[in-house]
Amino acid sequence: MDITLTLSADSIRFMIEKIRMAASSIDDSYEDGHEGEVEFDAETLTGAHHHEGLAEEENDDMSDAEARELIGDLNVDEASELIAIVWVGRGDYEAEDFAQAVLDAQEHRQANRKHKTADYLLGMPLLADHLEAGLDSLDL
């Protein structure tokens, strides 16, 4: 199968990296069950939560914003192809039906103009995996 994309496979792989970084930057401070706990001072009978405040926010990973910007900068054809690759990757379409998936993605974008493509795609919990599987299915 010979598929020519408007968007290069390397660009999509770069997006996959950004999407994975954005997903891993989600605050997991409660993961071990104690980092977010409030400490109680028995002498003053008050609670205290020790954190860095704004210093923590200054170090926030910008990968979510970068991923949104990368997707937001795509033209209509590129965005439709990206959606179609996701759909192939998650099994909604077979690789042989990629051209139809692109057409359906264009229709989906037209019907949902008020919703941004970045919001639609980044709202998928397994987006990076679907993109990667789509590229693999399409031999890209």
C-alpha atoms as a PDB file:
ATOM      1  CA  MET A   1       0.000   0.000   0.000  1.00  0.00           C
ATOM      2  CA  ASP A   2       1.438   3.331  -1.040  1.00  0.00           C
ATOM      3  CA  ILE A   3       0.109   6.273   0.958  1.00  0.00           C
ATOM      4  CA  THR A   4       1.331   9.817   0.486  1.00  0.00           C
ATOM      5  CA  LEU A   5       0.616  12.135   3.377  1.00  0.00           C
ATOM      6  CA  THR A   6       0.510  15.904   3.396  1.00  0.00           C
ATOM      7  CA  LEU A   7       2.052  15.673   6.864  1.00  0.00           C
ATOM      8  CA  SER A   8       5.292  13.701   7.116  1.00  0.00           C
ATOM      9  CA  ALA A   9       5.488  10.567   9.233  1.00  0.00           C
ATOM     10  CA  ASP A  10       8.459  12.154  11.040  1.00  0.00           C
ATOM     11  CA  SER A  11       6.283  15.123  12.003  1.00  0.00           C
ATOM     12  CA  ILE A  12       3.656  12.743  13.353  1.00  0.00           C
ATOM     13  CA  ARG A  13       6.312  10.888  15.368  1.00  0.00           C
ATOM     14  CA  PHE A  14       7.432  14.234  16.809  1.00  0.00           C
ATOM     15  CA  MET A  15       3.823  14.906  17.813  1.00  0.00           C
ATOM     16  CA  ILE A  16       3.643  11.466  19.419  1.00  0.00           C
ATOM     17  CA  GLU A  17       6.639  12.390  21.569  1.00  0.00           C
ATOM     18  CA  LYS A  18       5.016  15.695  22.603  1.00  0.00           C
ATOM     19  CA  ILE A  19       1.714  13.961  23.355  1.00  0.00           C
ATOM     20  CA  ARG A  20       3.464  11.343  25.494  1.00  0.00           C
ATOM     21  CA  MET A  21       5.366  14.070  27.372  1.00  0.00           C
ATOM     22  CA  ALA A  22       2.113  15.949  27.954  1.00  0.00           C
ATOM     23  CA  ALA A  23       0.451  12.783  29.265  1.00  0.00           C
ATOM     24  CA  SER A  24       3.366  12.063  31.605  1.00  0.00           C
ATOM     25  CA  SER A  25       3.377  15.608  32.975  1.00  0.00           C
ATOM     26  CA  ILE A  26      -0.025  15.135  34.608  1.00  0.00           C
ATOM     27  CA  ASP A  27       0.366  15.763  38.311  1.00  0.00           C
ATOM     28  CA  ASP A  28       0.967  12.466  40.048  1.00  0.00           C
ATOM     29  CA  SER A  29       1.894  13.880  43.452  1.00  0.00           C
ATOM     30  CA  TYR A  30      -0.663  11.626  45.138  1.00  0.00           C
ATOM     31  CA  GLU A  31       0.628   8.478  43.447  1.00  0.00           C
ATOM     32  CA  ASP A  32       2.535   7.214  46.480  1.00  0.00           C
ATOM     33  CA  GLY A  33      -0.317   8.216  48.749  1.00  0.00           C
ATOM     34  CA  HIS A  34       1.484  10.704  50.943  1.00  0.00           C
ATOM     35  CA  GLU A  35       3.078  13.571  49.005  1.00  0.00           C
ATOM     36  CA  GLY A  36      -0.130  15.602  48.958  1.00  0.00           C
ATOM     37  CA  GLU A  37      -1.092  15.011  52.555  1.00  0.00           C
ATOM     38  CA  VAL A  38      -1.567  17.870  54.940  1.00  0.00           C
ATOM     39  CA  GLU A  39       0.675  17.642  57.962  1.00  0.00           C
ATOM     40  CA  PHE A  40      -0.893  18.307  61.346  1.00  0.00           C
ATOM     41  CA  ASP A  41       1.069  20.189  63.964  1.00  0.00           C
ATOM     42  CA  ALA A  42       0.004  18.729  67.319  1.00  0.00           C
ATOM     43  CA  GLU A  43       1.427  21.677  69.308  1.00  0.00           C
ATOM     44  CA  THR A  44      -0.470  24.441  67.514  1.00  0.00           C
ATOM     45  CA  LEU A  45      -3.432  22.242  66.502  1.00  0.00           C
ATOM     46  CA  THR A  46      -3.241  23.557  62.922  1.00  0.00           C
ATOM     47  CA  GLY A  47      -2.779  21.893  59.600  1.00  0.00           C
ATOM     48  CA  ALA A  48       0.054  22.753  57.279  1.00  0.00           C
ATOM     49  CA  HIS A  49       0.731  21.792  53.704  1.00  0.00           C
ATOM     50  CA  HIS A  50       4.295  22.419  52.664  1.00  0.00           C
ATOM     51  CA  HIS A  51       4.927  23.045  49.004  1.00  0.00           C
ATOM     52  CA  GLU A  52       6.858  25.354  46.741  1.00  0.00           C
ATOM     53  CA  GLY A  53       3.799  27.332  45.625  1.00  0.00           C
ATOM     54  CA  LEU A  54       4.494  29.385  42.537  1.00  0.00           C
ATOM     55  CA  ALA A  55       7.945  27.856  42.159  1.00  0.00           C
ATOM     56  CA  GLU A  56       6.215  24.576  41.253  1.00  0.00           C
ATOM     57  CA  GLU A  57       4.116  26.323  38.621  1.00  0.00           C
ATOM     58  CA  GLU A  58       7.150  27.951  37.016  1.00  0.00           C
ATOM     59  CA  ASN A  59       8.576  24.506  36.300  1.00  0.00           C
ATOM     60  CA  ASP A  60       5.405  23.139  34.691  1.00  0.00           C
ATOM     61  CA  ASP A  61       6.046  21.133  31.548  1.00  0.00           C
ATOM     62  CA  MET A  62       4.897  23.033  28.491  1.00  0.00           C
ATOM     63  CA  SER A  63       4.391  19.873  26.423  1.00  0.00           C
ATOM     64  CA  ASP A  64       0.568  20.009  26.576  1.00  0.00           C
ATOM     65  CA  ALA A  65       0.600  23.560  25.231  1.00  0.00           C
ATOM     66  CA  GLU A  66       3.192  22.547  22.648  1.00  0.00           C
ATOM     67  CA  ALA A  67       1.130  19.546  21.537  1.00  0.00           C
ATOM     68  CA  ARG A  68      -1.961  21.756  21.240  1.00  0.00           C
ATOM     69  CA  GLU A  69      -0.010  24.299  19.223  1.00  0.00           C
ATOM     70  CA  LEU A  70       1.413  21.630  16.887  1.00  0.00           C
ATOM     71  CA  ILE A  71      -2.044  20.230  16.197  1.00  0.00           C
ATOM     72  CA  GLY A  72      -3.601  23.689  15.994  1.00  0.00           C
ATOM     73  CA  ASP A  73      -1.084  24.754  13.343  1.00  0.00           C
ATOM     74  CA  LEU A  74      -2.101  21.940  10.974  1.00  0.00           C
ATOM     75  CA  ASN A  75      -3.956  22.858   7.805  1.00  0.00           C
ATOM     76  CA  VAL A  76      -7.259  21.178   6.921  1.00  0.00           C
ATOM     77  CA  ASP A  77      -5.679  18.312   4.963  1.00  0.00           C
ATOM     78  CA  GLU A  78      -3.025  17.608   7.595  1.00  0.00           C
ATOM     79  CA  ALA A  79      -5.551  17.637  10.444  1.00  0.00           C
ATOM     80  CA  SER A  80      -7.877  15.305   8.540  1.00  0.00           C
ATOM     81  CA  GLU A  81      -5.026  12.894   7.833  1.00  0.00           C
ATOM     82  CA  LEU A  82      -3.986  12.946  11.486  1.00  0.00           C
ATOM     83  CA  ILE A  83      -7.527  12.121  12.610  1.00  0.00           C
ATOM     84  CA  ALA A  84      -7.723   9.356   9.994  1.00  0.00           C
ATOM     85  CA  ILE A  85      -4.437   7.874  11.238  1.00  0.00           C
ATOM     86  CA  VAL A  86      -5.841   7.820  14.775  1.00  0.00           C
ATOM     87  CA  TRP A  87      -8.997   6.108  13.549  1.00  0.00           C
ATOM     88  CA  VAL A  88      -6.959   3.476  11.709  1.00  0.00           C
ATOM     89  CA  GLY A  89      -4.768   3.045  14.789  1.00  0.00           C
ATOM     90  CA  ARG A  90      -7.679   2.406  17.115  1.00  0.00           C
ATOM     91  CA  GLY A  91      -9.357   0.040  14.674  1.00  0.00           C
ATOM     92  CA  ASP A  92     -12.237   2.164  13.397  1.00  0.00           C
ATOM     93  CA  TYR A  93     -10.923   1.729   9.828  1.00  0.00           C
ATOM     94  CA  GLU A  94      -8.670  -0.759   8.107  1.00  0.00           C
ATOM     95  CA  ALA A  95      -5.468   0.525   6.525  1.00  0.00           C
ATOM     96  CA  GLU A  96      -6.953  -0.180   3.082  1.00  0.00           C
ATOM     97  CA  ASP A  97      -9.775   2.252   3.891  1.00  0.00           C
ATOM     98  CA  PHE A  98      -7.450   5.148   4.736  1.00  0.00           C
ATOM     99  CA  ALA A  99      -8.711   7.352   1.873  1.00  0.00           C
ATOM    100  CA  GLN A 100     -12.268   6.955   3.149  1.00  0.00           C
ATOM    101  CA  ALA A 101     -11.104   7.646   6.706  1.00  0.00           C
ATOM    102  CA  VAL A 102      -9.574  10.936   5.514  1.00  0.00           C
ATOM    103  CA  LEU A 103     -12.832  11.917   3.794  1.00  0.00           C
ATOM    104  CA  ASP A 104     -14.809  11.024   6.907  1.00  0.00           C
ATOM    105  CA  ALA A 105     -12.349  12.994   9.055  1.00  0.00           C
ATOM    106  CA  GLN A 106     -12.903  16.034   6.824  1.00  0.00           C
ATOM    107  CA  GLU A 107     -16.655  15.646   7.287  1.00  0.00           C
ATOM    108  CA  HIS A 108     -16.157  15.207  11.039  1.00  0.00           C
ATOM    109  CA  ARG A 109     -14.149  18.440  11.199  1.00  0.00           C
ATOM    110  CA  GLN A 110     -16.822  20.303   9.175  1.00  0.00           C
ATOM    111  CA  ALA A 111     -19.630  19.018  11.385  1.00  0.00           C
ATOM    112  CA  ASN A 112     -17.746  19.912  14.570  1.00  0.00           C
ATOM    113  CA  ARG A 113     -16.269  23.281  13.615  1.00  0.00           C
ATOM    114  CA  LYS A 114     -16.887  24.758  17.039  1.00  0.00           C
ATOM    115  CA  HIS A 115     -14.669  22.062  18.579  1.00  0.00           C
ATOM    116  CA  LYS A 116     -10.973  22.332  17.923  1.00  0.00           C
ATOM    117  CA  THR A 117      -9.129  19.388  16.433  1.00  0.00           C
ATOM    118  CA  ALA A 118      -6.586  19.585  19.260  1.00  0.00           C
ATOM    119  CA  ASP A 119      -9.351  19.268  21.866  1.00  0.00           C
ATOM    120  CA  TYR A 120     -10.834  16.278  20.046  1.00  0.00           C
ATOM    121  CA  LEU A 121      -7.527  14.463  19.650  1.00  0.00           C
ATOM    122  CA  LEU A 122      -5.940  15.340  22.994  1.00  0.00           C
ATOM    123  CA  GLY A 123      -9.141  14.249  24.711  1.00  0.00           C
ATOM    124  CA  MET A 124      -8.314  10.666  23.699  1.00  0.00           C
ATOM    125  CA  PRO A 125      -6.492   8.917  26.547  1.00  0.00           C
ATOM    126  CA  LEU A 126      -4.490   6.642  24.217  1.00  0.00           C
ATOM    127  CA  LEU A 127      -3.850   9.177  21.449  1.00  0.00           C
ATOM    128  CA  ALA A 128      -0.104   8.531  21.156  1.00  0.00           C
ATOM    129  CA  ASP A 129      -0.673   4.772  21.033  1.00  0.00           C
ATOM    130  CA  HIS A 130      -3.396   5.151  18.383  1.00  0.00           C
ATOM    131  CA  LEU A 131      -1.162   7.378  16.258  1.00  0.00           C
ATOM    132  CA  GLU A 132       1.713   4.951  16.517  1.00  0.00           C
ATOM    133  CA  ALA A 133      -0.524   1.978  15.685  1.00  0.00           C
ATOM    134  CA  GLY A 134      -1.976   3.919  12.758  1.00  0.00           C
ATOM    135  CA  LEU A 135       1.465   4.676  11.355  1.00  0.00           C
ATOM    136  CA  ASP A 136       2.403   1.005  11.741  1.00  0.00           C
ATOM    137  CA  SER A 137      -0.812  -0.176  10.066  1.00  0.00           C
ATOM    138  CA  LEU A 138      -0.180   2.179   7.158  1.00  0.00           C
ATOM    139  CA  ASP A 139       3.486   1.084   6.901  1.00  0.00           C
ATOM    140  CA  LEU A 140       4.655   4.611   7.598  1.00  0.00           C
END
